[in-house]
């Protein structure tokens, strides 16, 4: 059964309901009658309180004094904020430089104190020898055209293995030959 059949089988509308349904619309919108009498000039163009605007007023970025003042205040606030941030960054860099210099000075002092320690001397000699040997090996592989990512990884692993072994051997030898503080 369709909707139309179901609606047709129901009770019928009275004539009054049909009339109200067909004629029920919103009332018409009243219109304003334009007459030439209503158009009059209310501005006295000769009076001194009238000011004119330039012809490019609409294309101007800043149109009012209030807008101009707001933009100036925002620019001043941004300038102050930028100066404060620059001063903070400069102070932070100055502090970091002083800390690095102090740390470097301590490391150089500690190295000078322990320059006669056999563990430190041994680390320098063995480190230089291993670096030279690995560098020469890498150069030979490169000139022969056999250097690849796999070979580079093997050499990097060898450097890491040497670093770990050197750390543990040095810790053991520092117990026998303690460093000066």
N, C-alpha and C. Protein backbone atom coordinates (compact mmCIF):
# COMPACT_ATOMS: atom_id res chain seq x y z
N UNK A 1 0.85 -1.17 0.00
CA UNK A 1 0.00 0.00 0.00
C UNK A 1 0.90 1.24 0.00
N UNK A 2 0.62 2.19 -0.83
CA UNK A 2 1.43 3.39 -0.93
C UNK A 2 0.96 4.43 0.07
N UNK A 3 1.72 5.46 0.23
CA UNK A 3 1.36 6.54 1.15
C UNK A 3 0.11 7.26 0.68
N UNK A 4 0.03 7.46 -0.60
CA UNK A 4 -1.15 8.14 -1.15
C UNK A 4 -2.41 7.34 -0.87
N UNK A 5 -2.35 6.00 -0.99
CA UNK A 5 -3.51 5.15 -0.71
C UNK A 5 -3.88 5.22 0.76
N UNK A 6 -2.85 5.20 1.64
CA UNK A 6 -3.11 5.26 3.08
C UNK A 6 -3.73 6.60 3.45
N UNK A 7 -3.26 7.70 2.87
CA UNK A 7 -3.80 9.01 3.17
C UNK A 7 -5.22 9.15 2.63
N UNK A 8 -5.51 8.55 1.48
CA UNK A 8 -6.85 8.63 0.89
C UNK A 8 -7.86 7.83 1.67
N UNK A 9 -7.43 6.78 2.35
CA UNK A 9 -8.37 5.95 3.10
C UNK A 9 -8.76 6.55 4.44
N UNK A 10 -8.08 7.61 4.88
CA UNK A 10 -8.36 8.24 6.17
C UNK A 10 -9.55 9.17 6.07
N UNK A 11 -9.89 9.91 7.18
CA UNK A 11 -11.02 10.83 7.18
C UNK A 11 -10.77 12.00 6.23
N UNK A 12 -11.79 12.52 5.66
CA UNK A 12 -11.71 13.61 4.71
C UNK A 12 -11.65 14.94 5.43
N UNK A 13 -11.00 15.94 4.79
CA UNK A 13 -10.93 17.29 5.37
C UNK A 13 -12.24 18.02 5.10
N UNK A 14 -12.54 18.87 6.06
CA UNK A 14 -13.73 19.68 5.85
C UNK A 14 -13.38 20.81 4.88
N UNK A 15 -14.38 21.47 4.36
CA UNK A 15 -14.17 22.57 3.42
C UNK A 15 -13.42 23.72 4.10
N UNK A 16 -13.70 23.93 5.36
CA UNK A 16 -13.01 25.00 6.10
C UNK A 16 -11.52 24.71 6.23
N UNK A 17 -11.16 23.43 6.51
CA UNK A 17 -9.75 23.05 6.62
C UNK A 17 -9.03 23.20 5.29
N UNK A 18 -9.69 22.82 4.22
CA UNK A 18 -9.09 22.95 2.89
C UNK A 18 -8.85 24.42 2.59
N UNK A 19 -9.84 25.29 2.90
CA UNK A 19 -9.71 26.72 2.64
C UNK A 19 -8.55 27.32 3.44
N UNK A 20 -8.44 26.95 4.73
CA UNK A 20 -7.36 27.47 5.58
C UNK A 20 -6.00 26.99 5.10
N UNK A 21 -5.91 25.75 4.67
CA UNK A 21 -4.65 25.20 4.20
C UNK A 21 -4.18 25.91 2.93
N UNK A 22 -5.11 26.15 2.01
CA UNK A 22 -4.73 26.78 0.74
C UNK A 22 -4.46 28.26 0.89
N UNK A 23 -5.11 28.93 1.83
CA UNK A 23 -4.98 30.37 1.96
C UNK A 23 -4.16 30.82 3.16
N UNK A 24 -3.44 29.93 3.78
CA UNK A 24 -2.67 30.33 4.96
C UNK A 24 -1.26 30.71 4.53
N UNK A 25 -1.03 31.97 4.38
CA UNK A 25 0.28 32.50 4.04
C UNK A 25 0.62 33.61 5.01
N UNK A 26 1.89 33.95 5.07
CA UNK A 26 2.31 35.06 5.90
C UNK A 26 1.80 36.34 5.27
N UNK A 27 1.52 37.34 6.09
CA UNK A 27 1.04 38.59 5.52
C UNK A 27 2.12 39.24 4.66
N UNK A 28 1.73 40.02 3.72
CA UNK A 28 2.67 40.67 2.81
C UNK A 28 3.51 41.68 3.57
N UNK A 29 4.76 41.84 3.13
CA UNK A 29 5.68 42.76 3.75
C UNK A 29 5.34 44.16 3.28
N UNK A 30 5.19 45.10 4.22
CA UNK A 30 4.88 46.46 3.77
C UNK A 30 6.07 47.06 3.04
N UNK A 31 5.80 47.84 2.05
CA UNK A 31 6.85 48.46 1.26
C UNK A 31 6.95 49.94 1.60
N UNK A 32 8.17 50.45 1.47
CA UNK A 32 8.39 51.87 1.71
C UNK A 32 8.16 52.59 0.41
N UNK A 33 7.38 53.62 0.49
CA UNK A 33 7.08 54.40 -0.71
C UNK A 33 8.15 55.47 -0.84
N UNK A 34 8.84 55.48 -1.95
CA UNK A 34 9.90 56.46 -2.19
C UNK A 34 9.30 57.69 -2.86
N UNK A 35 9.58 58.80 -2.26
CA UNK A 35 9.15 60.06 -2.87
C UNK A 35 10.33 61.00 -2.94
N UNK A 36 10.31 61.92 -3.85
CA UNK A 36 11.39 62.88 -3.98
C UNK A 36 11.39 63.88 -2.83
N UNK A 37 10.26 64.03 -2.14
CA UNK A 37 10.17 64.97 -1.04
C UNK A 37 11.04 64.54 0.15
N UNK A 38 11.27 63.22 0.30
CA UNK A 38 12.03 62.74 1.46
C UNK A 38 13.53 62.89 1.27
N UNK A 39 13.98 63.20 0.07
CA UNK A 39 15.41 63.33 -0.19
C UNK A 39 15.77 64.80 -0.07
N UNK A 40 16.41 65.13 1.05
CA UNK A 40 16.86 66.51 1.26
C UNK A 40 18.25 66.48 1.83
N UNK A 41 18.99 67.50 1.64
CA UNK A 41 20.34 67.59 2.15
C UNK A 41 20.29 68.12 3.58
N UNK A 42 20.86 67.36 4.49
CA UNK A 42 20.86 67.76 5.89
C UNK A 42 22.20 68.34 6.31
N UNK A 43 23.17 68.33 5.42
CA UNK A 43 24.51 68.78 5.76
C UNK A 43 24.77 70.13 5.14
N UNK A 44 25.25 71.02 5.98
CA UNK A 44 25.63 72.34 5.50
C UNK A 44 27.11 72.26 5.12
N UNK A 45 27.41 72.25 3.86
CA UNK A 45 28.77 72.04 3.40
C UNK A 45 29.68 73.20 3.70
N UNK A 46 29.13 74.36 4.03
CA UNK A 46 29.95 75.53 4.32
C UNK A 46 30.37 75.59 5.78
N UNK A 47 29.85 74.73 6.62
CA UNK A 47 30.18 74.80 8.05
C UNK A 47 31.58 74.23 8.30
N UNK A 48 32.32 74.77 9.30
CA UNK A 48 33.71 74.36 9.53
C UNK A 48 33.86 72.98 10.19
N UNK A 49 32.81 72.43 10.79
CA UNK A 49 32.95 71.15 11.47
C UNK A 49 32.93 69.95 10.51
N UNK A 50 32.70 70.15 9.26
CA UNK A 50 32.69 69.07 8.29
C UNK A 50 34.12 68.83 7.84
N UNK A 51 34.52 67.58 7.86
CA UNK A 51 35.87 67.24 7.37
C UNK A 51 35.73 66.25 6.23
N UNK A 52 36.63 66.34 5.33
CA UNK A 52 36.58 65.44 4.18
C UNK A 52 37.69 64.41 4.32
N UNK A 53 37.53 63.31 3.65
CA UNK A 53 38.52 62.25 3.66
C UNK A 53 39.14 62.14 2.28
N UNK A 54 40.36 61.65 2.22
CA UNK A 54 40.98 61.51 0.90
C UNK A 54 40.23 60.48 0.05
N UNK A 55 40.43 60.56 -1.23
CA UNK A 55 39.69 59.68 -2.14
C UNK A 55 40.14 58.22 -2.01
N UNK A 56 41.35 57.98 -1.51
CA UNK A 56 41.83 56.61 -1.34
C UNK A 56 41.58 56.08 0.07
N UNK A 57 40.60 56.65 0.76
CA UNK A 57 40.30 56.28 2.15
C UNK A 57 40.02 54.79 2.29
N UNK A 58 39.25 54.20 1.42
CA UNK A 58 38.87 52.80 1.53
C UNK A 58 40.07 51.87 1.36
N UNK A 59 41.07 52.29 0.62
CA UNK A 59 42.23 51.43 0.39
C UNK A 59 43.31 51.62 1.45
N UNK A 60 43.12 52.58 2.35
CA UNK A 60 44.10 52.80 3.41
C UNK A 60 44.05 51.66 4.41
N UNK A 61 45.23 51.27 4.90
CA UNK A 61 45.29 50.19 5.88
C UNK A 61 44.79 50.68 7.23
N UNK A 62 45.19 51.87 7.64
CA UNK A 62 44.77 52.44 8.92
C UNK A 62 43.79 53.57 8.61
N UNK A 63 42.56 53.42 9.13
CA UNK A 63 41.52 54.38 8.78
C UNK A 63 41.19 55.34 9.91
N UNK A 64 41.46 54.99 11.17
CA UNK A 64 41.07 55.86 12.28
C UNK A 64 42.25 56.12 13.20
N UNK A 65 42.13 57.19 13.98
CA UNK A 65 43.18 57.51 14.95
C UNK A 65 43.28 56.43 16.02
N UNK A 66 42.14 55.89 16.43
CA UNK A 66 42.13 54.82 17.43
C UNK A 66 42.88 53.60 16.92
N UNK A 67 42.63 53.25 15.68
CA UNK A 67 43.32 52.10 15.08
C UNK A 67 44.82 52.37 15.01
N UNK A 68 45.20 53.59 14.67
CA UNK A 68 46.61 53.97 14.59
C UNK A 68 47.27 53.85 15.95
N UNK A 69 46.59 54.36 17.00
CA UNK A 69 47.15 54.29 18.36
C UNK A 69 47.28 52.85 18.83
N UNK A 70 46.29 52.01 18.52
CA UNK A 70 46.35 50.60 18.91
C UNK A 70 47.54 49.91 18.25
N UNK A 71 47.75 50.16 16.99
CA UNK A 71 48.87 49.54 16.27
C UNK A 71 50.20 50.03 16.84
N UNK A 72 50.29 51.31 17.18
CA UNK A 72 51.52 51.84 17.78
C UNK A 72 51.78 51.20 19.14
N UNK A 73 50.73 51.04 19.97
CA UNK A 73 50.90 50.40 21.28
C UNK A 73 51.34 48.95 21.13
N UNK A 74 50.75 48.23 20.17
CA UNK A 74 51.15 46.85 19.92
C UNK A 74 52.59 46.77 19.48
N UNK A 75 53.02 47.69 18.62
CA UNK A 75 54.41 47.70 18.15
C UNK A 75 55.38 47.97 19.30
N UNK A 76 55.00 48.92 20.18
CA UNK A 76 55.86 49.21 21.34
C UNK A 76 55.94 48.02 22.28
N UNK A 77 54.82 47.35 22.51
CA UNK A 77 54.81 46.18 23.39
C UNK A 77 55.66 45.06 22.80
N UNK A 78 55.55 44.85 21.49
CA UNK A 78 56.34 43.82 20.82
C UNK A 78 57.83 44.16 20.90
N UNK A 79 58.15 45.43 20.73
CA UNK A 79 59.56 45.86 20.81
C UNK A 79 60.12 45.62 22.21
N UNK A 80 59.32 45.98 23.25
CA UNK A 80 59.77 45.74 24.63
C UNK A 80 59.97 44.26 24.88
N UNK A 81 59.03 43.44 24.42
CA UNK A 81 59.12 41.99 24.62
C UNK A 81 60.35 41.43 23.92
N UNK A 82 60.61 41.90 22.70
CA UNK A 82 61.77 41.43 21.94
C UNK A 82 63.06 41.81 22.65
N UNK A 83 63.13 43.03 23.18
CA UNK A 83 64.33 43.46 23.89
C UNK A 83 64.55 42.63 25.15
N UNK A 84 63.46 42.34 25.87
CA UNK A 84 63.57 41.53 27.08
C UNK A 84 64.05 40.13 26.75
N UNK A 85 63.48 39.54 25.70
CA UNK A 85 63.89 38.19 25.30
C UNK A 85 65.35 38.18 24.85
N UNK A 86 65.77 39.21 24.13
CA UNK A 86 67.17 39.28 23.67
C UNK A 86 68.11 39.41 24.87
N UNK A 87 67.72 40.19 25.86
CA UNK A 87 68.55 40.34 27.06
C UNK A 87 68.65 39.02 27.82
N UNK A 88 67.52 38.31 27.92
CA UNK A 88 67.54 37.00 28.60
C UNK A 88 68.43 36.02 27.85
N UNK A 89 68.32 36.00 26.53
CA UNK A 89 69.12 35.08 25.72
C UNK A 89 70.61 35.42 25.84
N UNK A 90 70.92 36.71 25.85
CA UNK A 90 72.33 37.12 25.99
C UNK A 90 72.88 36.71 27.35
N UNK A 91 72.08 36.88 28.40
CA UNK A 91 72.52 36.48 29.74
C UNK A 91 72.69 34.97 29.82
N UNK A 92 71.77 34.22 29.20
CA UNK A 92 71.87 32.76 29.21
C UNK A 92 73.13 32.30 28.47
N UNK A 93 73.42 32.93 27.34
CA UNK A 93 74.62 32.58 26.57
C UNK A 93 75.88 32.93 27.36
N UNK A 94 75.85 34.07 28.05
CA UNK A 94 77.00 34.48 28.85
C UNK A 94 77.24 33.48 29.99
N UNK A 95 76.16 33.04 30.65
CA UNK A 95 76.29 32.05 31.72
C UNK A 95 76.81 30.72 31.20
N UNK A 96 76.29 30.29 30.03
CA UNK A 96 76.74 29.03 29.44
C UNK A 96 78.21 29.10 29.06
N UNK A 97 78.63 30.25 28.53
CA UNK A 97 80.04 30.43 28.15
C UNK A 97 80.93 30.36 29.38
N UNK A 98 80.50 31.01 30.47
CA UNK A 98 81.29 30.98 31.70
C UNK A 98 81.37 29.57 32.26
N UNK A 99 80.24 28.84 32.22
CA UNK A 99 80.23 27.47 32.73
C UNK A 99 81.14 26.56 31.88
N UNK A 100 81.09 26.73 30.56
CA UNK A 100 81.93 25.92 29.67
C UNK A 100 83.41 26.24 29.88
N UNK A 101 83.70 27.51 30.07
CA UNK A 101 85.09 27.91 30.29
C UNK A 101 85.61 27.32 31.60
N UNK A 102 84.77 27.38 32.64
CA UNK A 102 85.18 26.82 33.93
C UNK A 102 85.37 25.31 33.84
N UNK A 103 84.46 24.64 33.14
CA UNK A 103 84.56 23.19 32.99
C UNK A 103 85.81 22.82 32.16
N UNK A 104 86.05 23.59 31.10
CA UNK A 104 87.23 23.35 30.27
C UNK A 104 88.52 23.59 31.06
N UNK A 105 88.49 24.62 31.88
CA UNK A 105 89.66 24.91 32.72
C UNK A 105 89.93 23.78 33.71
N UNK A 106 88.86 23.25 34.30
CA UNK A 106 89.02 22.12 35.24
C UNK A 106 89.56 20.90 34.52
N UNK A 107 89.05 20.62 33.29
CA UNK A 107 89.51 19.46 32.54
C UNK A 107 90.98 19.61 32.16
N UNK A 108 91.37 20.80 31.71
CA UNK A 108 92.77 21.02 31.35
C UNK A 108 93.67 20.90 32.57
N UNK A 109 93.21 21.43 33.70
CA UNK A 109 93.99 21.33 34.93
C UNK A 109 94.15 19.86 35.36
N UNK A 110 93.05 19.12 35.26
CA UNK A 110 93.10 17.69 35.64
C UNK A 110 94.02 16.92 34.69
N UNK A 111 93.97 17.25 33.39
CA UNK A 111 94.83 16.57 32.43
C UNK A 111 96.31 16.89 32.72
N UNK A 112 96.61 18.18 33.02
CA UNK A 112 98.00 18.54 33.34
C UNK A 112 98.50 17.82 34.60
N UNK A 113 97.61 17.69 35.57
CA UNK A 113 98.02 17.00 36.81
C UNK A 113 98.31 15.53 36.56
N UNK A 114 97.56 14.89 35.65
CA UNK A 114 97.70 13.46 35.42
C UNK A 114 98.50 13.14 34.16
N UNK A 115 99.25 14.10 33.65
CA UNK A 115 100.01 13.85 32.42
C UNK A 115 101.12 12.83 32.61
N UNK A 116 101.53 12.58 33.85
CA UNK A 116 102.57 11.58 34.09
C UNK A 116 101.97 10.22 34.50
N UNK A 117 100.65 10.10 34.54
CA UNK A 117 99.99 8.84 34.89
C UNK A 117 100.13 7.87 33.72
N UNK A 118 100.58 6.65 33.95
CA UNK A 118 100.79 5.70 32.84
C UNK A 118 99.48 5.29 32.15
N UNK A 119 98.37 5.33 32.84
CA UNK A 119 97.09 4.97 32.22
C UNK A 119 96.70 6.04 31.20
N UNK A 120 96.87 7.31 31.54
CA UNK A 120 96.54 8.40 30.62
C UNK A 120 97.45 8.35 29.40
N UNK A 121 98.75 8.16 29.63
CA UNK A 121 99.70 8.08 28.52
C UNK A 121 99.38 6.88 27.63
N UNK A 122 99.06 5.75 28.24
CA UNK A 122 98.71 4.55 27.47
C UNK A 122 97.45 4.76 26.65
N UNK A 123 96.44 5.43 27.25
CA UNK A 123 95.21 5.72 26.49
C UNK A 123 95.50 6.59 25.28
N UNK A 124 96.35 7.60 25.44
CA UNK A 124 96.69 8.46 24.30
C UNK A 124 97.41 7.69 23.20
N UNK A 125 98.38 6.86 23.57
CA UNK A 125 99.15 6.12 22.57
C UNK A 125 98.27 5.09 21.87
N UNK A 126 97.51 4.31 22.64
CA UNK A 126 96.67 3.27 22.04
C UNK A 126 95.54 3.91 21.21
N UNK A 127 94.95 4.99 21.70
CA UNK A 127 93.90 5.67 20.94
C UNK A 127 94.42 6.20 19.62
N UNK A 128 95.60 6.81 19.62
CA UNK A 128 96.18 7.32 18.38
C UNK A 128 96.50 6.18 17.42
N UNK A 129 97.01 5.07 17.94
CA UNK A 129 97.35 3.93 17.08
C UNK A 129 96.09 3.33 16.45
N UNK A 130 95.04 3.14 17.25
CA UNK A 130 93.80 2.56 16.71
C UNK A 130 93.17 3.51 15.69
N UNK A 131 93.15 4.80 15.96
CA UNK A 131 92.57 5.76 15.02
C UNK A 131 93.35 5.77 13.71
N UNK A 132 94.66 5.70 13.79
CA UNK A 132 95.48 5.68 12.58
C UNK A 132 95.23 4.41 11.78
N UNK A 133 95.21 3.26 12.48
CA UNK A 133 94.99 1.98 11.79
C UNK A 133 93.62 1.95 11.11
N UNK A 134 92.59 2.38 11.80
CA UNK A 134 91.25 2.38 11.20
C UNK A 134 91.16 3.38 10.05
N UNK A 135 91.78 4.54 10.21
CA UNK A 135 91.77 5.54 9.14
C UNK A 135 92.46 5.04 7.89
N UNK A 136 93.60 4.39 8.04
CA UNK A 136 94.33 3.83 6.89
C UNK A 136 93.51 2.72 6.25
N UNK A 137 92.87 1.87 7.08
CA UNK A 137 92.04 0.79 6.54
C UNK A 137 90.87 1.32 5.74
N UNK A 138 90.22 2.34 6.26
CA UNK A 138 89.09 2.94 5.54
C UNK A 138 89.56 3.56 4.23
N UNK A 139 90.71 4.24 4.26
CA UNK A 139 91.23 4.87 3.05
C UNK A 139 91.56 3.82 1.99
N UNK A 140 92.16 2.71 2.40
CA UNK A 140 92.49 1.65 1.43
C UNK A 140 91.23 1.07 0.81
N UNK A 141 90.20 0.84 1.62
CA UNK A 141 88.94 0.30 1.09
C UNK A 141 88.31 1.31 0.12
N UNK A 142 88.38 2.59 0.45
CA UNK A 142 87.79 3.63 -0.39
C UNK A 142 88.51 3.72 -1.74
N UNK A 143 89.84 3.72 -1.73
CA UNK A 143 90.59 3.83 -2.99
C UNK A 143 90.43 2.59 -3.85
N UNK A 144 90.19 1.43 -3.22
CA UNK A 144 90.00 0.20 -3.98
C UNK A 144 88.57 0.10 -4.50
N UNK A 145 87.69 1.00 -4.08
CA UNK A 145 86.30 0.98 -4.53
C UNK A 145 85.46 -0.04 -3.78
N UNK A 146 85.94 -0.52 -2.65
CA UNK A 146 85.23 -1.55 -1.89
C UNK A 146 84.52 -0.97 -0.67
N UNK A 147 84.56 0.35 -0.50
CA UNK A 147 83.92 0.95 0.67
C UNK A 147 82.42 1.06 0.45
N UNK A 148 81.65 0.54 1.38
CA UNK A 148 80.19 0.59 1.31
C UNK A 148 79.65 0.90 2.70
N UNK A 149 78.32 0.96 2.79
CA UNK A 149 77.70 1.21 4.10
C UNK A 149 78.01 0.06 5.07
N UNK A 150 78.07 -1.13 4.53
CA UNK A 150 78.35 -2.29 5.38
C UNK A 150 79.77 -2.20 5.95
N UNK A 151 80.72 -1.85 5.12
CA UNK A 151 82.11 -1.71 5.58
C UNK A 151 82.22 -0.55 6.57
N UNK A 152 81.54 0.55 6.28
CA UNK A 152 81.53 1.69 7.21
C UNK A 152 80.94 1.30 8.55
N UNK A 153 79.88 0.50 8.54
CA UNK A 153 79.28 0.03 9.78
C UNK A 153 80.22 -0.86 10.57
N UNK A 154 80.96 -1.68 9.88
CA UNK A 154 81.94 -2.55 10.57
C UNK A 154 83.01 -1.71 11.24
N UNK A 155 83.52 -0.70 10.52
CA UNK A 155 84.53 0.17 11.12
C UNK A 155 83.96 0.98 12.29
N UNK A 156 82.72 1.45 12.18
CA UNK A 156 82.09 2.18 13.29
C UNK A 156 81.91 1.25 14.49
N UNK A 157 81.54 0.02 14.24
CA UNK A 157 81.42 -0.96 15.33
C UNK A 157 82.76 -1.21 15.99
N UNK A 158 83.84 -1.25 15.19
CA UNK A 158 85.18 -1.45 15.75
C UNK A 158 85.56 -0.28 16.65
N UNK A 159 85.23 0.94 16.24
CA UNK A 159 85.52 2.11 17.07
C UNK A 159 84.75 2.03 18.38
N UNK A 160 83.46 1.67 18.32
CA UNK A 160 82.65 1.53 19.53
C UNK A 160 83.18 0.45 20.44
N UNK A 161 83.58 -0.69 19.86
CA UNK A 161 84.13 -1.79 20.65
C UNK A 161 85.43 -1.37 21.34
N UNK A 162 86.27 -0.63 20.61
CA UNK A 162 87.50 -0.14 21.22
C UNK A 162 87.19 0.81 22.37
N UNK A 163 86.21 1.70 22.20
CA UNK A 163 85.85 2.65 23.25
C UNK A 163 85.38 1.95 24.52
N UNK A 164 84.54 0.93 24.37
CA UNK A 164 84.04 0.19 25.54
C UNK A 164 85.18 -0.55 26.22
N UNK A 165 86.01 -1.22 25.44
CA UNK A 165 87.14 -1.97 26.02
C UNK A 165 88.11 -1.02 26.73
N UNK A 166 88.40 0.10 26.11
CA UNK A 166 89.32 1.07 26.71
C UNK A 166 88.77 1.59 28.03
N UNK A 167 87.45 1.83 28.11
CA UNK A 167 86.85 2.33 29.35
C UNK A 167 87.05 1.32 30.48
N UNK A 168 86.73 0.06 30.24
CA UNK A 168 86.83 -0.93 31.31
C UNK A 168 88.28 -1.22 31.70
N UNK A 169 89.17 -1.28 30.72
CA UNK A 169 90.59 -1.51 31.03
C UNK A 169 91.14 -0.31 31.81
N UNK A 170 90.76 0.91 31.42
CA UNK A 170 91.23 2.10 32.12
C UNK A 170 90.72 2.12 33.56
N UNK A 171 89.45 1.76 33.77
CA UNK A 171 88.91 1.72 35.14
C UNK A 171 89.68 0.72 36.00
N UNK A 172 90.03 -0.41 35.42
CA UNK A 172 90.81 -1.42 36.17
C UNK A 172 92.20 -0.87 36.49
N UNK A 173 92.85 -0.24 35.50
CA UNK A 173 94.21 0.26 35.72
C UNK A 173 94.24 1.49 36.62
N UNK A 174 93.16 2.29 36.63
CA UNK A 174 93.11 3.44 37.54
C UNK A 174 93.06 3.00 39.00
N UNK A 175 92.64 1.77 39.27
CA UNK A 175 92.68 1.26 40.65
C UNK A 175 94.13 1.01 41.07
N UNK A 176 94.95 0.60 40.13
CA UNK A 176 96.35 0.35 40.42
C UNK A 176 97.15 1.66 40.40
N UNK A 177 96.86 2.53 39.43
CA UNK A 177 97.50 3.84 39.32
C UNK A 177 96.45 4.93 39.42
N UNK A 178 96.03 5.31 40.60
CA UNK A 178 94.93 6.28 40.74
C UNK A 178 95.29 7.66 40.20
N UNK A 179 94.32 8.33 39.59
CA UNK A 179 94.57 9.69 39.08
C UNK A 179 94.59 10.70 40.23
N UNK A 180 95.30 11.80 39.98
CA UNK A 180 95.32 12.89 40.97
C UNK A 180 94.05 13.71 40.81
N UNK A 181 93.53 14.17 41.91
CA UNK A 181 92.26 14.91 41.85
C UNK A 181 92.49 16.35 41.66
